[in-house]
Amino acid sequence: AAQKTDVGYTIRLEGNLWWANVPQGRIVLQ
């Protein structure tokens, strides 16, 4: 994200869900 380039990525993340707001589409993942 710091590179600020428009590139498509395959994203595979695994972790703990600390917070979630589904209507707003926001989560905190650790």
mmCIF file of all heavy atoms, coordinates in Angstrom:
data_MODEL
# 
_entry.id   MODEL 
# 
loop_
_atom_site.group_PDB 
_atom_site.id 
_atom_site.type_symbol 
_atom_site.label_atom_id 
_atom_site.label_alt_id 
_atom_site.label_comp_id 
_atom_site.label_asym_id 
_atom_site.label_entity_id 
_atom_site.label_seq_id 
_atom_site.pdbx_PDB_ins_code 
_atom_site.Cartn_x 
_atom_site.Cartn_y 
_atom_site.Cartn_z 
_atom_site.occupancy 
_atom_site.B_iso_or_equiv 
_atom_site.pdbx_formal_charge 
_atom_site.auth_seq_id 
_atom_site.auth_comp_id 
_atom_site.auth_asym_id 
_atom_site.auth_atom_id 
_atom_site.pdbx_PDB_model_num 
ATOM 1   N N   . ALA A 1 1  ? 0.826   -1.205  0.000   1.00 0.00 ? 1  ALA A N   1 
ATOM 2   C CA  . ALA A 1 1  ? 0.000   0.000   0.000   1.00 0.00 ? 1  ALA A CA  1 
ATOM 3   C C   . ALA A 1 1  ? 0.862   1.257   0.000   1.00 0.00 ? 1  ALA A C   1 
ATOM 4   O O   . ALA A 1 1  ? 0.484   2.280   -0.576  1.00 0.00 ? 1  ALA A O   1 
ATOM 5   C CB  . ALA A 1 1  ? -0.934  -0.007  1.202   1.00 0.00 ? 1  ALA A CB  1 
ATOM 6   N N   . ALA A 1 2  ? 2.036   1.199   0.635   1.00 0.00 ? 2  ALA A N   1 
ATOM 7   C CA  . ALA A 1 2  ? 2.918   2.360   0.689   1.00 0.00 ? 2  ALA A CA  1 
ATOM 8   C C   . ALA A 1 2  ? 3.497   2.697   -0.679  1.00 0.00 ? 2  ALA A C   1 
ATOM 9   O O   . ALA A 1 2  ? 3.902   3.839   -0.933  1.00 0.00 ? 2  ALA A O   1 
ATOM 10  C CB  . ALA A 1 2  ? 4.055   2.109   1.680   1.00 0.00 ? 2  ALA A CB  1 
ATOM 11  N N   . GLN A 1 3  ? 3.505   1.732   -1.604  1.00 0.00 ? 3  GLN A N   1 
ATOM 12  C CA  . GLN A 1 3  ? 4.047   1.972   -2.933  1.00 0.00 ? 3  GLN A CA  1 
ATOM 13  C C   . GLN A 1 3  ? 3.088   2.745   -3.832  1.00 0.00 ? 3  GLN A C   1 
ATOM 14  O O   . GLN A 1 3  ? 3.487   3.301   -4.850  1.00 0.00 ? 3  GLN A O   1 
ATOM 15  C CB  . GLN A 1 3  ? 4.398   0.635   -3.595  1.00 0.00 ? 3  GLN A CB  1 
ATOM 16  C CG  . GLN A 1 3  ? 5.483   -0.137  -2.862  1.00 0.00 ? 3  GLN A CG  1 
ATOM 17  C CD  . GLN A 1 3  ? 5.693   -1.520  -3.431  1.00 0.00 ? 3  GLN A CD  1 
ATOM 18  O OE1 . GLN A 1 3  ? 4.970   -1.976  -4.326  1.00 0.00 ? 3  GLN A OE1 1 
ATOM 19  N NE2 . GLN A 1 3  ? 6.687   -2.223  -2.913  1.00 0.00 ? 3  GLN A NE2 1 
ATOM 20  N N   . LYS A 1 4  ? 1.802   2.764   -3.479  1.00 0.00 ? 4  LYS A N   1 
ATOM 21  C CA  . LYS A 1 4  ? 0.784   3.530   -4.198  1.00 0.00 ? 4  LYS A CA  1 
ATOM 22  C C   . LYS A 1 4  ? 0.754   3.175   -5.688  1.00 0.00 ? 4  LYS A C   1 
ATOM 23  O O   . LYS A 1 4  ? 0.762   4.036   -6.556  1.00 0.00 ? 4  LYS A O   1 
ATOM 24  C CB  . LYS A 1 4  ? 1.009   5.032   -4.026  1.00 0.00 ? 4  LYS A CB  1 
ATOM 25  C CG  . LYS A 1 4  ? 0.923   5.510   -2.587  1.00 0.00 ? 4  LYS A CG  1 
ATOM 26  C CD  . LYS A 1 4  ? 1.132   7.000   -2.474  1.00 0.00 ? 4  LYS A CD  1 
ATOM 27  C CE  . LYS A 1 4  ? 1.039   7.456   -1.032  1.00 0.00 ? 4  LYS A CE  1 
ATOM 28  N NZ  . LYS A 1 4  ? 1.259   8.912   -0.881  1.00 0.00 ? 4  LYS A NZ  1 
ATOM 29  N N   . THR A 1 5  ? 0.720   1.889   -5.991  1.00 0.00 ? 5  THR A N   1 
ATOM 30  C CA  . THR A 1 5  ? 0.644   1.434   -7.372  1.00 0.00 ? 5  THR A CA  1 
ATOM 31  C C   . THR A 1 5  ? -0.656  0.677   -7.600  1.00 0.00 ? 5  THR A C   1 
ATOM 32  O O   . THR A 1 5  ? -1.144  -0.013  -6.703  1.00 0.00 ? 5  THR A O   1 
ATOM 33  C CB  . THR A 1 5  ? 1.825   0.508   -7.711  1.00 0.00 ? 5  THR A CB  1 
ATOM 34  O OG1 . THR A 1 5  ? 1.855   -0.584  -6.783  1.00 0.00 ? 5  THR A OG1 1 
ATOM 35  C CG2 . THR A 1 5  ? 3.150   1.265   -7.633  1.00 0.00 ? 5  THR A CG2 1 
ATOM 36  N N   . ASP A 1 6  ? -1.223  0.820   -8.786  1.00 0.00 ? 6  ASP A N   1 
ATOM 37  C CA  . ASP A 1 6  ? -2.443  0.103   -9.149  1.00 0.00 ? 6  ASP A CA  1 
ATOM 38  C C   . ASP A 1 6  ? -2.054  -1.261  -9.720  1.00 0.00 ? 6  ASP A C   1 
ATOM 39  O O   . ASP A 1 6  ? -1.732  -1.393  -10.903 1.00 0.00 ? 6  ASP A O   1 
ATOM 40  C CB  . ASP A 1 6  ? -3.254  0.897   -10.176 1.00 0.00 ? 6  ASP A CB  1 
ATOM 41  C CG  . ASP A 1 6  ? -3.952  2.093   -9.557  1.00 0.00 ? 6  ASP A CG  1 
ATOM 42  O OD1 . ASP A 1 6  ? -4.250  2.037   -8.356  1.00 0.00 ? 6  ASP A OD1 1 
ATOM 43  O OD2 . ASP A 1 6  ? -4.183  3.076   -10.276 1.00 0.00 ? 6  ASP A OD2 1 
ATOM 44  N N   . VAL A 1 7  ? -2.057  -2.259  -8.861  1.00 0.00 ? 7  VAL A N   1 
ATOM 45  C CA  . VAL A 1 7  ? -1.712  -3.623  -9.255  1.00 0.00 ? 7  VAL A CA  1 
ATOM 46  C C   . VAL A 1 7  ? -2.714  -4.563  -8.599  1.00 0.00 ? 7  VAL A C   1 
ATOM 47  O O   . VAL A 1 7  ? -3.127  -4.344  -7.464  1.00 0.00 ? 7  VAL A O   1 
ATOM 48  C CB  . VAL A 1 7  ? -0.274  -3.989  -8.810  1.00 0.00 ? 7  VAL A CB  1 
ATOM 49  C CG1 . VAL A 1 7  ? 0.059   -5.433  -9.172  1.00 0.00 ? 7  VAL A CG1 1 
ATOM 50  C CG2 . VAL A 1 7  ? 0.734   -3.042  -9.438  1.00 0.00 ? 7  VAL A CG2 1 
ATOM 51  N N   . GLY A 1 8  ? -3.105  -5.608  -9.309  1.00 0.00 ? 8  GLY A N   1 
ATOM 52  C CA  . GLY A 1 8  ? -3.986  -6.607  -8.726  1.00 0.00 ? 8  GLY A CA  1 
ATOM 53  C C   . GLY A 1 8  ? -3.174  -7.669  -7.989  1.00 0.00 ? 8  GLY A C   1 
ATOM 54  O O   . GLY A 1 8  ? -2.102  -8.085  -8.451  1.00 0.00 ? 8  GLY A O   1 
ATOM 55  N N   . TYR A 1 9  ? -3.668  -8.107  -6.834  1.00 0.00 ? 9  TYR A N   1 
ATOM 56  C CA  . TYR A 1 9  ? -2.969  -9.100  -6.028  1.00 0.00 ? 9  TYR A CA  1 
ATOM 57  C C   . TYR A 1 9  ? -3.920  -10.231 -5.651  1.00 0.00 ? 9  TYR A C   1 
ATOM 58  O O   . TYR A 1 9  ? -5.119  -10.018 -5.463  1.00 0.00 ? 9  TYR A O   1 
ATOM 59  C CB  . TYR A 1 9  ? -2.419  -8.478  -4.739  1.00 0.00 ? 9  TYR A CB  1 
ATOM 60  C CG  . TYR A 1 9  ? -1.336  -7.453  -4.968  1.00 0.00 ? 9  TYR A CG  1 
ATOM 61  C CD1 . TYR A 1 9  ? -1.660  -6.109  -5.141  1.00 0.00 ? 9  TYR A CD1 1 
ATOM 62  C CD2 . TYR A 1 9  ? 0.009   -7.824  -5.032  1.00 0.00 ? 9  TYR A CD2 1 
ATOM 63  C CE1 . TYR A 1 9  ? -0.670  -5.162  -5.371  1.00 0.00 ? 9  TYR A CE1 1 
ATOM 64  C CE2 . TYR A 1 9  ? 0.998   -6.883  -5.257  1.00 0.00 ? 9  TYR A CE2 1 
ATOM 65  C CZ  . TYR A 1 9  ? 0.655   -5.555  -5.427  1.00 0.00 ? 9  TYR A CZ  1 
ATOM 66  O OH  . TYR A 1 9  ? 1.632   -4.621  -5.650  1.00 0.00 ? 9  TYR A OH  1 
ATOM 67  N N   . THR A 1 10 ? -3.362  -11.431 -5.520  1.00 0.00 ? 10 THR A N   1 
ATOM 68  C CA  . THR A 1 10 ? -4.076  -12.534 -4.891  1.00 0.00 ? 10 THR A CA  1 
ATOM 69  C C   . THR A 1 10 ? -3.804  -12.428 -3.394  1.00 0.00 ? 10 THR A C   1 
ATOM 70  O O   . THR A 1 10 ? -2.645  -12.451 -2.969  1.00 0.00 ? 10 THR A O   1 
ATOM 71  C CB  . THR A 1 10 ? -3.585  -13.887 -5.418  1.00 0.00 ? 10 THR A CB  1 
ATOM 72  O OG1 . THR A 1 10 ? -3.876  -13.975 -6.813  1.00 0.00 ? 10 THR A OG1 1 
ATOM 73  C CG2 . THR A 1 10 ? -4.291  -15.031 -4.694  1.00 0.00 ? 10 THR A CG2 1 
ATOM 74  N N   . ILE A 1 11 ? -4.855  -12.284 -2.608  1.00 0.00 ? 11 ILE A N   1 
ATOM 75  C CA  . ILE A 1 11 ? -4.718  -12.021 -1.175  1.00 0.00 ? 11 ILE A CA  1 
ATOM 76  C C   . ILE A 1 11 ? -5.201  -13.239 -0.389  1.00 0.00 ? 11 ILE A C   1 
ATOM 77  O O   . ILE A 1 11 ? -6.333  -13.694 -0.574  1.00 0.00 ? 11 ILE A O   1 
ATOM 78  C CB  . ILE A 1 11 ? -5.515  -10.766 -0.779  1.00 0.00 ? 11 ILE A CB  1 
ATOM 79  C CG1 . ILE A 1 11 ? -4.981  -9.556  -1.564  1.00 0.00 ? 11 ILE A CG1 1 
ATOM 80  C CG2 . ILE A 1 11 ? -5.442  -10.519 0.720   1.00 0.00 ? 11 ILE A CG2 1 
ATOM 81  C CD1 . ILE A 1 11 ? -5.854  -8.335  -1.458  1.00 0.00 ? 11 ILE A CD1 1 
ATOM 82  N N   . ARG A 1 12 ? -4.324  -13.762 0.460   1.00 0.00 ? 12 ARG A N   1 
ATOM 83  C CA  . ARG A 1 12 ? -4.656  -14.888 1.326   1.00 0.00 ? 12 ARG A CA  1 
ATOM 84  C C   . ARG A 1 12 ? -4.153  -14.566 2.729   1.00 0.00 ? 12 ARG A C   1 
ATOM 85  O O   . ARG A 1 12 ? -2.957  -14.660 3.011   1.00 0.00 ? 12 ARG A O   1 
ATOM 86  C CB  . ARG A 1 12 ? -4.019  -16.185 0.828   1.00 0.00 ? 12 ARG A CB  1 
ATOM 87  C CG  . ARG A 1 12 ? -4.509  -16.631 -0.545  1.00 0.00 ? 12 ARG A CG  1 
ATOM 88  C CD  . ARG A 1 12 ? -3.749  -17.838 -1.042  1.00 0.00 ? 12 ARG A CD  1 
ATOM 89  N NE  . ARG A 1 12 ? -4.131  -18.180 -2.405  1.00 0.00 ? 12 ARG A NE  1 
ATOM 90  C CZ  . ARG A 1 12 ? -3.445  -19.017 -3.194  1.00 0.00 ? 12 ARG A CZ  1 
ATOM 91  N NH1 . ARG A 1 12 ? -2.345  -19.601 -2.715  1.00 0.00 ? 12 ARG A NH1 1 
ATOM 92  N NH2 . ARG A 1 12 ? -3.845  -19.264 -4.416  1.00 0.00 ? 12 ARG A NH2 1 
ATOM 93  N N   . LEU A 1 13 ? -5.076  -14.163 3.580   1.00 0.00 ? 13 LEU A N   1 
ATOM 94  C CA  . LEU A 1 13 ? -4.722  -13.778 4.941   1.00 0.00 ? 13 LEU A CA  1 
ATOM 95  C C   . LEU A 1 13 ? -5.371  -14.723 5.941   1.00 0.00 ? 13 LEU A C   1 
ATOM 96  O O   . LEU A 1 13 ? -6.487  -15.198 5.711   1.00 0.00 ? 13 LEU A O   1 
ATOM 97  C CB  . LEU A 1 13 ? -5.172  -12.343 5.224   1.00 0.00 ? 13 LEU A CB  1 
ATOM 98  C CG  . LEU A 1 13 ? -4.595  -11.245 4.321   1.00 0.00 ? 13 LEU A CG  1 
ATOM 99  C CD1 . LEU A 1 13 ? -5.246  -9.908  4.637   1.00 0.00 ? 13 LEU A CD1 1 
ATOM 100 C CD2 . LEU A 1 13 ? -3.088  -11.161 4.482   1.00 0.00 ? 13 LEU A CD2 1 
ATOM 101 N N   . GLU A 1 14 ? -4.682  -14.951 7.039   1.00 0.00 ? 14 GLU A N   1 
ATOM 102 C CA  . GLU A 1 14 ? -5.203  -15.816 8.085   1.00 0.00 ? 14 GLU A CA  1 
ATOM 103 C C   . GLU A 1 14 ? -4.860  -15.202 9.431   1.00 0.00 ? 14 GLU A C   1 
ATOM 104 O O   . GLU A 1 14 ? -3.709  -14.837 9.676   1.00 0.00 ? 14 GLU A O   1 
ATOM 105 C CB  . GLU A 1 14 ? -4.588  -17.211 7.971   1.00 0.00 ? 14 GLU A CB  1 
ATOM 106 C CG  . GLU A 1 14 ? -5.086  -18.203 8.997   1.00 0.00 ? 14 GLU A CG  1 
ATOM 107 C CD  . GLU A 1 14 ? -4.523  -19.588 8.763   1.00 0.00 ? 14 GLU A CD  1 
ATOM 108 O OE1 . GLU A 1 14 ? -4.647  -20.107 7.631   1.00 0.00 ? 14 GLU A OE1 1 
ATOM 109 O OE2 . GLU A 1 14 ? -3.953  -20.151 9.730   1.00 0.00 ? 14 GLU A OE2 1 
ATOM 110 N N   . GLY A 1 15 ? -5.870  -15.036 10.301  1.00 0.00 ? 15 GLY A N   1 
ATOM 111 C CA  . GLY A 1 15 ? -5.579  -14.441 11.589  1.00 0.00 ? 15 GLY A CA  1 
ATOM 112 C C   . GLY A 1 15 ? -6.787  -14.352 12.484  1.00 0.00 ? 15 GLY A C   1 
ATOM 113 O O   . GLY A 1 15 ? -7.828  -14.979 12.239  1.00 0.00 ? 15 GLY A O   1 
ATOM 114 N N   . ASN A 1 16 ? -6.648  -13.549 13.534  1.00 0.00 ? 16 ASN A N   1 
ATOM 115 C CA  . ASN A 1 16 ? -7.691  -13.372 14.541  1.00 0.00 ? 16 ASN A CA  1 
ATOM 116 C C   . ASN A 1 16 ? -8.502  -12.123 14.243  1.00 0.00 ? 16 ASN A C   1 
ATOM 117 O O   . ASN A 1 16 ? -7.947  -11.067 13.921  1.00 0.00 ? 16 ASN A O   1 
ATOM 118 C CB  . ASN A 1 16 ? -7.065  -13.241 15.934  1.00 0.00 ? 16 ASN A CB  1 
ATOM 119 C CG  . ASN A 1 16 ? -6.256  -14.461 16.315  1.00 0.00 ? 16 ASN A CG  1 
ATOM 120 O OD1 . ASN A 1 16 ? -6.634  -15.585 16.023  1.00 0.00 ? 16 ASN A OD1 1 
ATOM 121 N ND2 . ASN A 1 16 ? -5.118  -14.243 16.966  1.00 0.00 ? 16 ASN A ND2 1 
ATOM 122 N N   . LEU A 1 17 ? -9.813  -12.240 14.369  1.00 0.00 ? 17 LEU A N   1 
ATOM 123 C CA  . LEU A 1 17 ? -10.707 -11.118 14.128  1.00 0.00 ? 17 LEU A CA  1 
ATOM 124 C C   . LEU A 1 17 ? -10.929 -10.396 15.455  1.00 0.00 ? 17 LEU A C   1 
ATOM 125 O O   . LEU A 1 17 ? -11.621 -10.881 16.345  1.00 0.00 ? 17 LEU A O   1 
ATOM 126 C CB  . LEU A 1 17 ? -12.039 -11.632 13.565  1.00 0.00 ? 17 LEU A CB  1 
ATOM 127 C CG  . LEU A 1 17 ? -12.927 -10.635 12.837  1.00 0.00 ? 17 LEU A CG  1 
ATOM 128 C CD1 . LEU A 1 17 ? -12.229 -10.090 11.605  1.00 0.00 ? 17 LEU A CD1 1 
ATOM 129 C CD2 . LEU A 1 17 ? -14.235 -11.287 12.444  1.00 0.00 ? 17 LEU A CD2 1 
ATOM 130 N N   . TRP A 1 18 ? -10.329 -9.215  15.587  1.00 0.00 ? 18 TRP A N   1 
ATOM 131 C CA  . TRP A 1 18 ? -10.449 -8.460  16.828  1.00 0.00 ? 18 TRP A CA  1 
ATOM 132 C C   . TRP A 1 18 ? -11.707 -7.600  16.856  1.00 0.00 ? 18 TRP A C   1 
ATOM 133 O O   . TRP A 1 18 ? -12.236 -7.305  17.935  1.00 0.00 ? 18 TRP A O   1 
ATOM 134 C CB  . TRP A 1 18 ? -9.218  -7.563  17.011  1.00 0.00 ? 18 TRP A CB  1 
ATOM 135 C CG  . TRP A 1 18 ? -8.012  -8.304  17.463  1.00 0.00 ? 18 TRP A CG  1 
ATOM 136 C CD1 . TRP A 1 18 ? -7.106  -8.943  16.671  1.00 0.00 ? 18 TRP A CD1 1 
ATOM 137 C CD2 . TRP A 1 18 ? -7.586  -8.507  18.803  1.00 0.00 ? 18 TRP A CD2 1 
ATOM 138 N NE1 . TRP A 1 18 ? -6.137  -9.538  17.429  1.00 0.00 ? 18 TRP A NE1 1 
ATOM 139 C CE2 . TRP A 1 18 ? -6.403  -9.276  18.755  1.00 0.00 ? 18 TRP A CE2 1 
ATOM 140 C CE3 . TRP A 1 18 ? -8.069  -8.111  20.047  1.00 0.00 ? 18 TRP A CE3 1 
ATOM 141 C CZ2 . TRP A 1 18 ? -5.714  -9.661  19.891  1.00 0.00 ? 18 TRP A CZ2 1 
ATOM 142 C CZ3 . TRP A 1 18 ? -7.376  -8.479  21.189  1.00 0.00 ? 18 TRP A CZ3 1 
ATOM 143 C CH2 . TRP A 1 18 ? -6.223  -9.252  21.108  1.00 0.00 ? 18 TRP A CH2 1 
ATOM 144 N N   . TRP A 1 19 ? -12.173 -7.154  15.676  1.00 0.00 ? 19 TRP A N   1 
ATOM 145 C CA  . TRP A 1 19 ? -13.340 -6.263  15.617  1.00 0.00 ? 19 TRP A CA  1 
ATOM 146 C C   . TRP A 1 19 ? -13.934 -6.371  14.222  1.00 0.00 ? 19 TRP A C   1 
ATOM 147 O O   . TRP A 1 19 ? -13.213 -6.588  13.244  1.00 0.00 ? 19 TRP A O   1 
ATOM 148 C CB  . TRP A 1 19 ? -12.914 -4.823  15.905  1.00 0.00 ? 19 TRP A CB  1 
ATOM 149 C CG  . TRP A 1 19 ? -13.994 -3.790  15.772  1.00 0.00 ? 19 TRP A CG  1 
ATOM 150 C CD1 . TRP A 1 19 ? -14.960 -3.495  16.670  1.00 0.00 ? 19 TRP A CD1 1 
ATOM 151 C CD2 . TRP A 1 19 ? -14.196 -2.915  14.657  1.00 0.00 ? 19 TRP A CD2 1 
ATOM 152 N NE1 . TRP A 1 19 ? -15.761 -2.479  16.187  1.00 0.00 ? 19 TRP A NE1 1 
ATOM 153 C CE2 . TRP A 1 19 ? -15.301 -2.103  14.958  1.00 0.00 ? 19 TRP A CE2 1 
ATOM 154 C CE3 . TRP A 1 19 ? -13.531 -2.736  13.438  1.00 0.00 ? 19 TRP A CE3 1 
ATOM 155 C CZ2 . TRP A 1 19 ? -15.788 -1.134  14.080  1.00 0.00 ? 19 TRP A CZ2 1 
ATOM 156 C CZ3 . TRP A 1 19 ? -14.008 -1.774  12.554  1.00 0.00 ? 19 TRP A CZ3 1 
ATOM 157 C CH2 . TRP A 1 19 ? -15.126 -0.981  12.890  1.00 0.00 ? 19 TRP A CH2 1 
ATOM 158 N N   . ALA A 1 20 ? -15.261 -6.234  14.132  1.00 0.00 ? 20 ALA A N   1 
ATOM 159 C CA  . ALA A 1 20 ? -15.923 -6.321  12.832  1.00 0.00 ? 20 ALA A CA  1 
ATOM 160 C C   . ALA A 1 20 ? -17.158 -5.435  12.807  1.00 0.00 ? 20 ALA A C   1 
ATOM 161 O O   . ALA A 1 20 ? -17.945 -5.427  13.757  1.00 0.00 ? 20 ALA A O   1 
ATOM 162 C CB  . ALA A 1 20 ? -16.312 -7.766  12.514  1.00 0.00 ? 20 ALA A CB  1 
ATOM 163 N N   . ASN A 1 21 ? -17.318 -4.676  11.727  1.00 0.00 ? 21 ASN A N   1 
ATOM 164 C CA  . ASN A 1 21 ? -18.523 -3.901  11.458  1.00 0.00 ? 21 ASN A CA  1 
ATOM 165 C C   . ASN A 1 21 ? -18.942 -4.245  10.037  1.00 0.00 ? 21 ASN A C   1 
ATOM 166 O O   . ASN A 1 21 ? -18.479 -3.632  9.069   1.00 0.00 ? 21 ASN A O   1 
ATOM 167 C CB  . ASN A 1 21 ? -18.257 -2.402  11.608  1.00 0.00 ? 21 ASN A CB  1 
ATOM 168 C CG  . ASN A 1 21 ? -19.532 -1.578  11.509  1.00 0.00 ? 21 ASN A CG  1 
ATOM 169 O OD1 . ASN A 1 21 ? -20.416 -1.864  10.704  1.00 0.00 ? 21 ASN A OD1 1 
ATOM 170 N ND2 . ASN A 1 21 ? -19.641 -0.545  12.333  1.00 0.00 ? 21 ASN A ND2 1 
ATOM 171 N N   . VAL A 1 22 ? -19.790 -5.271  9.900   1.00 0.00 ? 22 VAL A N   1 
ATOM 172 C CA  . VAL A 1 22 ? -20.167 -5.788  8.590   1.00 0.00 ? 22 VAL A CA  1 
ATOM 173 C C   . VAL A 1 22 ? -20.880 -4.738  7.735   1.00 0.00 ? 22 VAL A C   1 
ATOM 174 O O   . VAL A 1 22 ? -20.570 -4.597  6.548   1.00 0.00 ? 22 VAL A O   1 
ATOM 175 C CB  . VAL A 1 22 ? -21.008 -7.067  8.732   1.00 0.00 ? 22 VAL A CB  1 
ATOM 176 C CG1 . VAL A 1 22 ? -21.544 -7.521  7.386   1.00 0.00 ? 22 VAL A CG1 1 
ATOM 177 C CG2 . VAL A 1 22 ? -20.164 -8.177  9.364   1.00 0.00 ? 22 VAL A CG2 1 
ATOM 178 N N   . PRO A 1 23 ? -21.869 -3.981  8.264   1.00 0.00 ? 23 PRO A N   1 
ATOM 179 C CA  . PRO A 1 23 ? -22.530 -2.979  7.411   1.00 0.00 ? 23 PRO A CA  1 
ATOM 180 C C   . PRO A 1 23 ? -21.563 -1.960  6.815   1.00 0.00 ? 23 PRO A C   1 
ATOM 181 O O   . PRO A 1 23 ? -21.749 -1.511  5.681   1.00 0.00 ? 23 PRO A O   1 
ATOM 182 C CB  . PRO A 1 23 ? -23.527 -2.317  8.369   1.00 0.00 ? 23 PRO A CB  1 
ATOM 183 C CG  . PRO A 1 23 ? -23.805 -3.349  9.406   1.00 0.00 ? 23 PRO A CG  1 
ATOM 184 C CD  . PRO A 1 23 ? -22.506 -4.059  9.596   1.00 0.00 ? 23 PRO A CD  1 
ATOM 185 N N   . GLN A 1 24 ? -20.534 -1.581  7.573   1.00 0.00 ? 24 GLN A N   1 
ATOM 186 C CA  . GLN A 1 24 ? -19.554 -0.624  7.065   1.00 0.00 ? 24 GLN A CA  1 
ATOM 187 C C   . GLN A 1 24 ? -18.435 -1.296  6.284   1.00 0.00 ? 24 GLN A C   1 
ATOM 188 O O   . GLN A 1 24 ? -17.608 -0.611  5.663   1.00 0.00 ? 24 GLN A O   1 
ATOM 189 C CB  . GLN A 1 24 ? -18.955 0.175   8.220   1.00 0.00 ? 24 GLN A CB  1 
ATOM 190 C CG  . GLN A 1 24 ? -19.941 1.098   8.908   1.00 0.00 ? 24 GLN A CG  1 
ATOM 191 C CD  . GLN A 1 24 ? -19.271 1.942   9.977   1.00 0.00 ? 24 GLN A CD  1 
ATOM 192 O OE1 . GLN A 1 24 ? -18.051 1.989   10.091  1.00 0.00 ? 24 GLN A OE1 1 
ATOM 193 N NE2 . GLN A 1 24 ? -20.079 2.621   10.774  1.00 0.00 ? 24 GLN A NE2 1 
ATOM 194 N N   . GLY A 1 25 ? -18.384 -2.618  6.297   1.00 0.00 ? 25 GLY A N   1 
ATOM 195 C CA  . GLY A 1 25 ? -17.334 -3.319  5.570   1.00 0.00 ? 25 GLY A CA  1 
ATOM 196 C C   . GLY A 1 25 ? -15.957 -3.107  6.159   1.00 0.00 ? 25 GLY A C   1 
ATOM 197 O O   . GLY A 1 25 ? -14.981 -2.915  5.431   1.00 0.00 ? 25 GLY A O   1 
ATOM 198 N N   . ARG A 1 26 ? -15.847 -3.165  7.484   1.00 0.00 ? 26 ARG A N   1 
ATOM 199 C CA  . ARG A 1 26 ? -14.574 -2.911  8.149   1.00 0.00 ? 26 ARG A CA  1 
ATOM 200 C C   . ARG A 1 26 ? -14.304 -3.982  9.205   1.00 0.00 ? 26 ARG A C   1 
ATOM 201 O O   . ARG A 1 26 ? -15.220 -4.378  9.938   1.00 0.00 ? 26 ARG A O   1 
ATOM 202 C CB  . ARG A 1 26 ? -14.564 -1.522  8.799   1.00 0.00 ? 26 ARG A CB  1 
ATOM 203 C CG  . ARG A 1 26 ? -14.692 -0.383  7.818   1.00 0.00 ? 26 ARG A CG  1 
ATOM 204 C CD  . ARG A 1 26 ? -15.117 0.891   8.510   1.00 0.00 ? 26 ARG A CD  1 
ATOM 205 N NE  . ARG A 1 26 ? -14.179 1.278   9.558   1.00 0.00 ? 26 ARG A NE  1 
ATOM 206 C CZ  . ARG A 1 26 ? -14.515 2.011   10.612  1.00 0.00 ? 26 ARG A CZ  1 
ATOM 207 N NH1 . ARG A 1 26 ? -15.772 2.420   10.782  1.00 0.00 ? 26 ARG A NH1 1 
ATOM 208 N NH2 . ARG A 1 26 ? -13.606 2.334   11.512  1.00 0.00 ? 26 ARG A NH2 1 
ATOM 209 N N   . ILE A 1 27 ? -13.063 -4.431  9.256   1.00 0.00 ? 27 ILE A N   1 
ATOM 210 C CA  . ILE A 1 27 ? -12.641 -5.389  10.270  1.00 0.00 ? 27 ILE A CA  1 
ATOM 211 C C   . ILE A 1 27 ? -11.256 -4.998  10.777  1.00 0.00 ? 27 ILE A C   1 
ATOM 212 O O   . ILE A 1 27 ? -10.529 -4.259  10.111  1.00 0.00 ? 27 ILE A O   1 
ATOM 213 C CB  . ILE A 1 27 ? -12.594 -6.841  9.732   1.00 0.00 ? 27 ILE A CB  1 
ATOM 214 C CG1 . ILE A 1 27 ? -11.539 -6.966  8.616   1.00 0.00 ? 27 ILE A CG1 1 
ATOM 215 C CG2 . ILE A 1 27 ? -13.962 -7.293  9.257   1.00 0.00 ? 27 ILE A CG2 1 
ATOM 216 C CD1 . ILE A 1 27 ? -11.308 -8.397  8.155   1.00 0.00 ? 27 ILE A CD1 1 
ATOM 217 N N   . VAL A 1 28 ? -10.905 -5.504  11.954  1.00 0.00 ? 28 VAL A N   1 
ATOM 218 C CA  . VAL A 1 28 ? -9.526  -5.426  12.441  1.00 0.00 ? 28 VAL A CA  1 
ATOM 219 C C   . VAL A 1 28 ? -9.017  -6.856  12.519  1.00 0.00 ? 28 VAL A C   1 
ATOM 220 O O   . VAL A 1 28 ? -9.569  -7.682  13.255  1.00 0.00 ? 28 VAL A O   1 
ATOM 221 C CB  . VAL A 1 28 ? -9.424  -4.720  13.804  1.00 0.00 ? 28 VAL A CB  1 
ATOM 222 C CG1 . VAL A 1 28 ? -8.003  -4.837  14.343  1.00 0.00 ? 28 VAL A CG1 1 
ATOM 223 C CG2 . VAL A 1 28 ? -9.829  -3.257  13.678  1.00 0.00 ? 28 VAL A CG2 1 
ATOM 224 N N   . LEU A 1 29 ? -7.976  -7.140  11.730  1.00 0.00 ? 29 LEU A N   1 
ATOM 225 C CA  . LEU A 1 29 ? -7.408  -8.488  11.659  1.00 0.00 ? 29 LEU A CA  1 
ATOM 226 C C   . LEU A 1 29 ? -5.989  -8.458  12.230  1.00 0.00 ? 29 LEU A C   1 
ATOM 227 O O   . LEU A 1 29 ? -5.226  -7.532  11.968  1.00 0.00 ? 29 LEU A O   1 
ATOM 228 C CB  . LEU A 1 29 ? -7.378  -8.969  10.208  1.00 0.00 ? 29 LEU A CB  1 
ATOM 229 C CG  . LEU A 1 29 ? -6.936  -10.420 9.996   1.00 0.00 ? 29 LEU A CG  1 
ATOM 230 C CD1 . LEU A 1 29 ? -8.025  -11.377 10.466  1.00 0.00 ? 29 LEU A CD1 1 
ATOM 231 C CD2 . LEU A 1 29 ? -6.617  -10.671 8.523   1.00 0.00 ? 29 LEU A CD2 1 
ATOM 232 N N   . GLN A 1 30 ? -5.660  -9.490  13.005  1.00 0.00 ? 30 GLN A N   1 
ATOM 233 C CA  . GLN A 1 30 ? -4.329  -9.619  13.582  1.00 0.00 ? 30 GLN A CA  1 
ATOM 234 C C   . GLN A 1 30 ? -3.752  -10.973 13.172  1.00 0.00 ? 30 GLN A C   1 
ATOM 235 O O   . GLN A 1 30 ? -4.370  -12.019 13.382  1.00 0.00 ? 30 GLN A O   1 
ATOM 236 C CB  . GLN A 1 30 ? -4.387  -9.501  15.100  1.00 0.00 ? 30 GLN A CB  1 
ATOM 237 C CG  . GLN A 1 30 ? -3.056  -9.698  15.806  1.00 0.00 ? 30 GLN A CG  1 
ATOM 238 C CD  . GLN A 1 30 ? -2.961  -11.039 16.511  1.00 0.00 ? 30 GLN A CD  1 
ATOM 239 O OE1 . GLN A 1 30 ? -3.969  -11.595 16.941  1.00 0.00 ? 30 GLN A OE1 1 
ATOM 240 N NE2 . GLN A 1 30 ? -1.751  -11.560 16.637  1.00 0.00 ? 30 GLN A NE2 1 
# 
